[in-house]
Amino acid sequence: IDAGKFVHYYSFQGEAGDVITIQMGRVSASDLDPMLYLYFYAADGTQTAVAYNDNYAQSTLNAAIQRFRLPSTGVYLIVATR
């Protein structure tokens, strides 16, 4: 992610009860502030935001969704942005 490309998408198949961690760190000497979103895609095509994070610790520019238990079985989308 840089000044020109501000978003990346990643998808995966998850099972209800799986515990996941997603982390995104800032490249040193960069002022871009990472942000993560996690969406669930239901069988009927609806999408629901189930988690997000901007700064996982005080005074950092890193994002993390830590030890998140997936609520449903199906397809998930990670949106990594700034």
Protein backbone atom coordinates (compact mmCIF):
# COMPACT_ATOMS: atom_id res chain seq x y z
CA ILE A 1 0.00 0.00 0.00
CA ASP A 2 1.38 3.34 -0.98
CA ALA A 3 0.22 6.77 -2.06
CA GLY A 4 -0.98 5.38 -5.41
CA LYS A 5 -2.40 1.98 -4.42
CA PHE A 6 -4.48 2.52 -1.30
CA VAL A 7 -6.31 -0.82 -0.91
CA HIS A 8 -5.67 -4.57 -1.22
CA TYR A 9 -8.22 -7.35 -0.91
CA TYR A 10 -7.69 -10.89 0.36
CA SER A 11 -10.34 -13.58 0.68
CA PHE A 12 -10.43 -16.88 2.53
CA GLN A 13 -12.82 -19.65 3.52
CA GLY A 14 -13.39 -19.76 7.28
CA GLU A 15 -15.22 -22.07 9.65
CA ALA A 16 -17.43 -20.85 12.50
CA GLY A 17 -15.31 -20.81 15.66
CA ASP A 18 -11.95 -20.48 13.88
CA VAL A 19 -9.71 -17.95 15.65
CA ILE A 20 -7.73 -15.67 13.36
CA THR A 21 -5.23 -12.83 13.64
CA ILE A 22 -4.60 -10.31 10.87
CA GLN A 23 -1.78 -7.78 11.24
CA MET A 24 -0.59 -4.90 9.11
CA GLY A 25 2.38 -2.72 9.96
CA ARG A 26 3.55 0.63 8.75
CA VAL A 27 6.74 0.69 6.68
CA SER A 28 9.36 2.77 8.45
CA ALA A 29 9.77 6.31 7.13
CA SER A 30 6.19 6.22 5.84
CA ASP A 31 3.38 8.35 7.21
CA LEU A 32 0.62 6.04 5.89
CA ASP A 33 -1.66 4.76 8.65
CA PRO A 34 -2.80 1.14 7.99
CA MET A 35 -6.39 0.07 8.59
CA LEU A 36 -8.01 -3.38 8.40
CA TYR A 37 -11.61 -4.44 7.80
CA LEU A 38 -13.01 -7.98 7.85
CA TYR A 39 -16.26 -8.75 6.00
CA PHE A 40 -18.36 -11.92 5.90
CA TYR A 41 -20.18 -12.90 2.69
CA ALA A 42 -23.42 -14.79 3.37
CA ALA A 43 -24.84 -17.38 0.98
CA ASP A 44 -27.52 -14.88 -0.10
CA GLY A 45 -24.82 -12.45 -1.28
CA THR A 46 -25.09 -9.95 1.55
CA GLN A 47 -21.90 -8.71 3.12
CA THR A 48 -21.44 -7.74 6.74
CA ALA A 49 -18.51 -6.01 8.41
CA VAL A 50 -17.59 -8.21 11.38
CA ALA A 51 -14.37 -6.54 12.59
CA TYR A 52 -12.07 -3.60 11.95
CA ASN A 53 -9.00 -1.98 13.48
CA ASP A 54 -7.05 1.22 12.96
CA ASN A 55 -4.44 1.39 15.73
CA TYR A 56 -4.11 -1.74 17.82
CA ALA A 57 -1.91 -0.08 20.43
CA GLN A 58 -1.57 3.46 21.75
CA SER A 59 0.75 5.69 19.71
CA THR A 60 1.30 3.19 16.89
CA LEU A 61 0.35 3.34 13.25
CA ASN A 62 -0.17 -0.44 12.96
CA ALA A 63 -3.46 -2.29 12.55
CA ALA A 64 -4.40 -5.72 13.88
CA ILE A 65 -7.50 -7.82 14.32
CA GLN A 66 -6.28 -10.17 17.03
CA ARG A 67 -7.67 -13.50 18.20
CA PHE A 68 -10.99 -12.91 16.45
CA ARG A 69 -13.42 -15.86 16.52
CA LEU A 70 -15.23 -16.21 13.18
CA PRO A 71 -18.99 -16.08 13.72
CA SER A 72 -20.03 -18.14 10.68
CA THR A 73 -18.77 -20.63 8.12
CA GLY A 74 -18.20 -19.15 4.69
CA VAL A 75 -16.19 -16.65 2.68
CA TYR A 76 -14.45 -13.74 4.38
CA LEU A 77 -12.84 -10.69 2.80
CA ILE A 78 -9.93 -8.79 4.33
CA VAL A 79 -9.69 -5.17 3.21
CA ALA A 80 -6.26 -3.70 3.89
CA THR A 81 -6.16 0.05 3.39
CA ARG A 82 -4.78 3.28 4.76
